[in-house]
Amino acid sequence: MNVFVYGTLLVPRIWELVTECPDLESAEAKLSRHSIWRVREATFPAIREEGPDYEGEVPGRVFFDVPAPALQRLDLYEDAFYERVAVSVQTANGPVDADAYRVPGENAKAVVSGDTWTLEWFEQNGLERFLENVFEP
């Protein structure tokens, strides 16, 4: 199973803590017709599917052949807040089928803030607090 990540899992340390798979093959990827936002009162993001005319895309990374135990850990990490859905992402070598974690459509407008999310913003403003809250008791 290929998995497209776009948020906190782009941080190698977080990917490794969650999946216990530091050496999986991966590639830069983009998910079209989606937007990325900060979740209200949080430092982590959510992606939202937009209409067919939406020209934006979400940058991220696709990890190839994620083993079942790592996928189970990802499901626990993302919990019921997100749903795992099948998507097609674009890589330098063409389209790739993958799963991605997305806020269900009926909840998306209620949980996302009006602030876009970027990895750079997260690393500067939320990473240390996120690590403390999620990985340190």
C-alpha atoms as a PDB file:
ATOM      1  CA  MET A   1       0.000   0.000   0.000  1.00  0.00           C
ATOM      2  CA  ASN A   2       1.319   3.442  -0.955  1.00  0.00           C
ATOM      3  CA  VAL A   3       0.566   6.309   1.427  1.00  0.00           C
ATOM      4  CA  PHE A   4       0.519  10.030   0.596  1.00  0.00           C
ATOM      5  CA  VAL A   5       1.459  12.293   3.510  1.00  0.00           C
ATOM      6  CA  TYR A   6       1.189  16.057   3.574  1.00  0.00           C
ATOM      7  CA  GLY A   7       1.434  17.257   7.176  1.00  0.00           C
ATOM      8  CA  THR A   8       3.216  16.338  10.364  1.00  0.00           C
ATOM      9  CA  LEU A   9       4.332  13.025   8.848  1.00  0.00           C
ATOM     10  CA  LEU A  10       6.577  14.971   6.457  1.00  0.00           C
ATOM     11  CA  VAL A  11       8.893  15.500   9.424  1.00  0.00           C
ATOM     12  CA  PRO A  12      11.246  12.487   9.273  1.00  0.00           C
ATOM     13  CA  ARG A  13      11.370  12.163  13.070  1.00  0.00           C
ATOM     14  CA  ILE A  14       7.569  11.965  13.305  1.00  0.00           C
ATOM     15  CA  TRP A  15       7.313   9.518  10.368  1.00  0.00           C
ATOM     16  CA  GLU A  16       9.871   7.248  12.049  1.00  0.00           C
ATOM     17  CA  LEU A  17       8.256   7.462  15.511  1.00  0.00           C
ATOM     18  CA  VAL A  18       4.842   6.575  14.098  1.00  0.00           C
ATOM     19  CA  THR A  19       5.678   3.956  11.475  1.00  0.00           C
ATOM     20  CA  GLU A  20       8.947   2.493  12.753  1.00  0.00           C
ATOM     21  CA  CYS A  21       9.925   2.383   9.055  1.00  0.00           C
ATOM     22  CA  PRO A  22      12.696   4.953   8.537  1.00  0.00           C
ATOM     23  CA  ASP A  23      14.003   3.568   5.262  1.00  0.00           C
ATOM     24  CA  LEU A  24      10.957   3.204   3.035  1.00  0.00           C
ATOM     25  CA  GLU A  25      11.281   4.370  -0.534  1.00  0.00           C
ATOM     26  CA  SER A  26       9.401   7.628  -1.158  1.00  0.00           C
ATOM     27  CA  ALA A  27       9.039  10.460  -3.639  1.00  0.00           C
ATOM     28  CA  GLU A  28       7.772  14.014  -3.690  1.00  0.00           C
ATOM     29  CA  ALA A  29       4.142  14.124  -4.771  1.00  0.00           C
ATOM     30  CA  LYS A  30       1.222  16.503  -5.224  1.00  0.00           C
ATOM     31  CA  LEU A  31      -2.464  15.912  -4.669  1.00  0.00           C
ATOM     32  CA  SER A  32      -4.605  17.980  -7.017  1.00  0.00           C
ATOM     33  CA  ARG A  33      -8.071  19.426  -6.314  1.00  0.00           C
ATOM     34  CA  HIS A  34      -7.372  19.563  -2.576  1.00  0.00           C
ATOM     35  CA  SER A  35      -6.476  22.380  -0.198  1.00  0.00           C
ATOM     36  CA  ILE A  36      -4.589  22.274   3.087  1.00  0.00           C
ATOM     37  CA  TRP A  37      -5.555  24.164   6.236  1.00  0.00           C
ATOM     38  CA  ARG A  38      -4.638  24.350   9.868  1.00  0.00           C
ATOM     39  CA  VAL A  39      -7.126  22.624  12.117  1.00  0.00           C
ATOM     40  CA  ARG A  40      -8.874  25.050  14.476  1.00  0.00           C
ATOM     41  CA  GLU A  41      -6.927  25.586  17.691  1.00  0.00           C
ATOM     42  CA  ALA A  42      -4.207  23.154  16.589  1.00  0.00           C
ATOM     43  CA  THR A  43      -0.852  23.129  14.831  1.00  0.00           C
ATOM     44  CA  PHE A  44      -1.573  20.123  12.609  1.00  0.00           C
ATOM     45  CA  PRO A  45      -3.284  20.253   9.206  1.00  0.00           C
ATOM     46  CA  ALA A  46      -6.224  18.780   7.392  1.00  0.00           C
ATOM     47  CA  ILE A  47      -6.763  18.525   3.680  1.00  0.00           C
ATOM     48  CA  ARG A  48     -10.096  19.156   2.091  1.00  0.00           C
ATOM     49  CA  GLU A  49     -11.294  17.981  -1.284  1.00  0.00           C
ATOM     50  CA  GLU A  50     -12.398  20.901  -3.459  1.00  0.00           C
ATOM     51  CA  GLY A  51     -14.570  21.014  -6.542  1.00  0.00           C
ATOM     52  CA  PRO A  52     -13.502  19.715  -9.961  1.00  0.00           C
ATOM     53  CA  ASP A  53     -12.628  23.246 -11.149  1.00  0.00           C
ATOM     54  CA  TYR A  54     -10.229  23.880  -8.248  1.00  0.00           C
ATOM     55  CA  GLU A  55      -6.694  24.243  -9.578  1.00  0.00           C
ATOM     56  CA  GLY A  56      -4.777  24.111  -6.303  1.00  0.00           C
ATOM     57  CA  GLU A  57      -2.794  21.166  -5.023  1.00  0.00           C
ATOM     58  CA  VAL A  58      -1.324  19.885  -1.792  1.00  0.00           C
ATOM     59  CA  PRO A  59       2.412  19.162  -1.755  1.00  0.00           C
ATOM     60  CA  GLY A  60       3.613  16.099   0.084  1.00  0.00           C
ATOM     61  CA  ARG A  61       5.357  12.781  -0.201  1.00  0.00           C
ATOM     62  CA  VAL A  62       4.249   9.311  -1.224  1.00  0.00           C
ATOM     63  CA  PHE A  63       5.734   6.360   0.651  1.00  0.00           C
ATOM     64  CA  PHE A  64       5.778   3.137  -1.346  1.00  0.00           C
ATOM     65  CA  ASP A  65       4.811  -0.329  -0.117  1.00  0.00           C
ATOM     66  CA  VAL A  66       4.065   0.648   3.474  1.00  0.00           C
ATOM     67  CA  PRO A  67       3.935  -2.604   5.474  1.00  0.00           C
ATOM     68  CA  ALA A  68       0.694  -3.586   7.212  1.00  0.00           C
ATOM     69  CA  PRO A  69       2.008  -3.024  10.781  1.00  0.00           C
ATOM     70  CA  ALA A  70       3.113   0.508   9.845  1.00  0.00           C
ATOM     71  CA  LEU A  71      -0.265   1.157   8.225  1.00  0.00           C
ATOM     72  CA  GLN A  72      -1.982   0.074  11.447  1.00  0.00           C
ATOM     73  CA  ARG A  73       0.206   2.495  13.414  1.00  0.00           C
ATOM     74  CA  LEU A  74      -0.667   5.258  10.937  1.00  0.00           C
ATOM     75  CA  ASP A  75      -4.379   4.529  11.377  1.00  0.00           C
ATOM     76  CA  LEU A  76      -3.973   4.837  15.158  1.00  0.00           C
ATOM     77  CA  TYR A  77      -1.954   8.043  14.816  1.00  0.00           C
ATOM     78  CA  GLU A  78      -4.513   9.661  12.523  1.00  0.00           C
ATOM     79  CA  ASP A  79      -7.401   8.192  14.585  1.00  0.00           C
ATOM     80  CA  ALA A  80     -11.094   8.753  13.847  1.00  0.00           C
ATOM     81  CA  PHE A  81     -10.513  12.439  13.076  1.00  0.00           C
ATOM     82  CA  TYR A  82      -9.437  11.460   9.564  1.00  0.00           C
ATOM     83  CA  GLU A  83     -10.656   8.899   7.070  1.00  0.00           C
ATOM     84  CA  ARG A  84      -8.223   6.979   4.904  1.00  0.00           C
ATOM     85  CA  VAL A  85      -9.225   7.409   1.262  1.00  0.00           C
ATOM     86  CA  ALA A  86      -7.831   6.293  -2.079  1.00  0.00           C
ATOM     87  CA  VAL A  87      -6.308   9.100  -4.148  1.00  0.00           C
ATOM     88  CA  SER A  88      -4.077   9.525  -7.154  1.00  0.00           C
ATOM     89  CA  VAL A  89      -1.025  11.727  -6.670  1.00  0.00           C
ATOM     90  CA  GLN A  90       1.365  13.130  -9.222  1.00  0.00           C
ATOM     91  CA  THR A  91       5.084  12.381  -8.965  1.00  0.00           C
ATOM     92  CA  ALA A  92       7.997  13.195 -11.242  1.00  0.00           C
ATOM     93  CA  ASN A  93       7.528   9.727 -12.746  1.00  0.00           C
ATOM     94  CA  GLY A  94       3.789  10.087 -13.302  1.00  0.00           C
ATOM     95  CA  PRO A  95       0.623   9.342 -11.329  1.00  0.00           C
ATOM     96  CA  VAL A  96       0.656   6.969  -8.363  1.00  0.00           C
ATOM     97  CA  ASP A  97      -2.296   5.431  -6.530  1.00  0.00           C
ATOM     98  CA  ALA A  98      -2.079   5.886  -2.775  1.00  0.00           C
ATOM     99  CA  ASP A  99      -4.140   6.305   0.350  1.00  0.00           C
ATOM    100  CA  ALA A 100      -4.317   9.643   2.149  1.00  0.00           C
ATOM    101  CA  TYR A 101      -5.823  10.759   5.434  1.00  0.00           C
ATOM    102  CA  ARG A 102      -8.501  13.390   4.948  1.00  0.00           C
ATOM    103  CA  VAL A 103     -11.133  14.963   7.166  1.00  0.00           C
ATOM    104  CA  PRO A 104     -14.529  13.626   6.065  1.00  0.00           C
ATOM    105  CA  GLY A 105     -16.272  16.122   3.784  1.00  0.00           C
ATOM    106  CA  GLU A 106     -19.188  16.754   6.120  1.00  0.00           C
ATOM    107  CA  ASN A 107     -16.770  17.749   8.924  1.00  0.00           C
ATOM    108  CA  ALA A 108     -14.149  19.638   6.928  1.00  0.00           C
ATOM    109  CA  LYS A 109     -15.666  23.104   7.040  1.00  0.00           C
ATOM    110  CA  ALA A 110     -16.283  22.868  10.774  1.00  0.00           C
ATOM    111  CA  VAL A 111     -12.782  21.761  11.773  1.00  0.00           C
ATOM    112  CA  VAL A 112     -10.474  23.747   9.521  1.00  0.00           C
ATOM    113  CA  SER A 113      -9.444  27.287  10.314  1.00  0.00           C
ATOM    114  CA  GLY A 114      -9.045  30.008   7.728  1.00  0.00           C
ATOM    115  CA  ASP A 115      -5.260  29.621   7.948  1.00  0.00           C
ATOM    116  CA  THR A 116      -3.351  27.606   5.407  1.00  0.00           C
ATOM    117  CA  TRP A 117      -0.784  25.128   6.733  1.00  0.00           C
ATOM    118  CA  THR A 118       2.773  24.763   5.504  1.00  0.00           C
ATOM    119  CA  LEU A 119       5.595  22.556   6.698  1.00  0.00           C
ATOM    120  CA  GLU A 120       7.804  25.623   7.137  1.00  0.00           C
ATOM    121  CA  TRP A 121       5.192  27.279   9.404  1.00  0.00           C
ATOM    122  CA  PHE A 122       4.824  24.061  11.415  1.00  0.00           C
ATOM    123  CA  GLU A 123       8.568  23.603  11.905  1.00  0.00           C
ATOM    124  CA  GLN A 124       8.916  27.207  13.100  1.00  0.00           C
ATOM    125  CA  ASN A 125       5.742  27.515  15.196  1.00  0.00           C
ATOM    126  CA  GLY A 126       4.391  24.166  16.237  1.00  0.00           C
ATOM    127  CA  LEU A 127       6.824  21.273  15.926  1.00  0.00           C
ATOM    128  CA  GLU A 128       8.324  21.285  19.424  1.00  0.00           C
ATOM    129  CA  ARG A 129       4.956  21.726  21.141  1.00  0.00           C
ATOM    130  CA  PHE A 130       3.439  19.017  18.921  1.00  0.00           C
ATOM    131  CA  LEU A 131       6.235  16.569  19.788  1.00  0.00           C
ATOM    132  CA  GLU A 132       5.776  17.281  23.495  1.00  0.00           C
ATOM    133  CA  ASN A 133       2.009  16.874  23.380  1.00  0.00           C
ATOM    134  CA  VAL A 134       1.889  13.761  21.206  1.00  0.00           C
ATOM    135  CA  PHE A 135       5.052  11.780  21.921  1.00  0.00           C
ATOM    136  CA  GLU A 136       6.138  12.770  25.418  1.00  0.00           C
ATOM    137  CA  PRO A 137       3.868  11.817  28.349  1.00  0.00           C
END
